[in-house]
C-alpha cells in the first residue's frame, strides 16, 4: 500500500525541495504540483520516515503538510 502526502509549498520552492529529498533514495516519489499543492507518494513502511524527513526540511523550505491519505492507485 502507498500513501499520498499533500504538501503546501510555493512553486519556486518545489525545485529546492526536490533536490533536498533526492538525497534520501527510495523514500518517496514526488509526483505532481497543482494549485500550490505538491503530491508525494510514499510506501506504507516508509511513511513515518518520510514525514520525519519532511519535518526536517521545513528548516530549508517553507512547507506545510496538508493531508496524508491512502493512494487509490493513481500515479
Foldseek 3Di string as FASTA:
>chain_A
DKKKWKKQFDPVCPVVVVVQCVVPPQAWAWDDDDPRITIIMGHPVSVVVVVVSVVVCCVPGPMDGDDMGHDPPDD
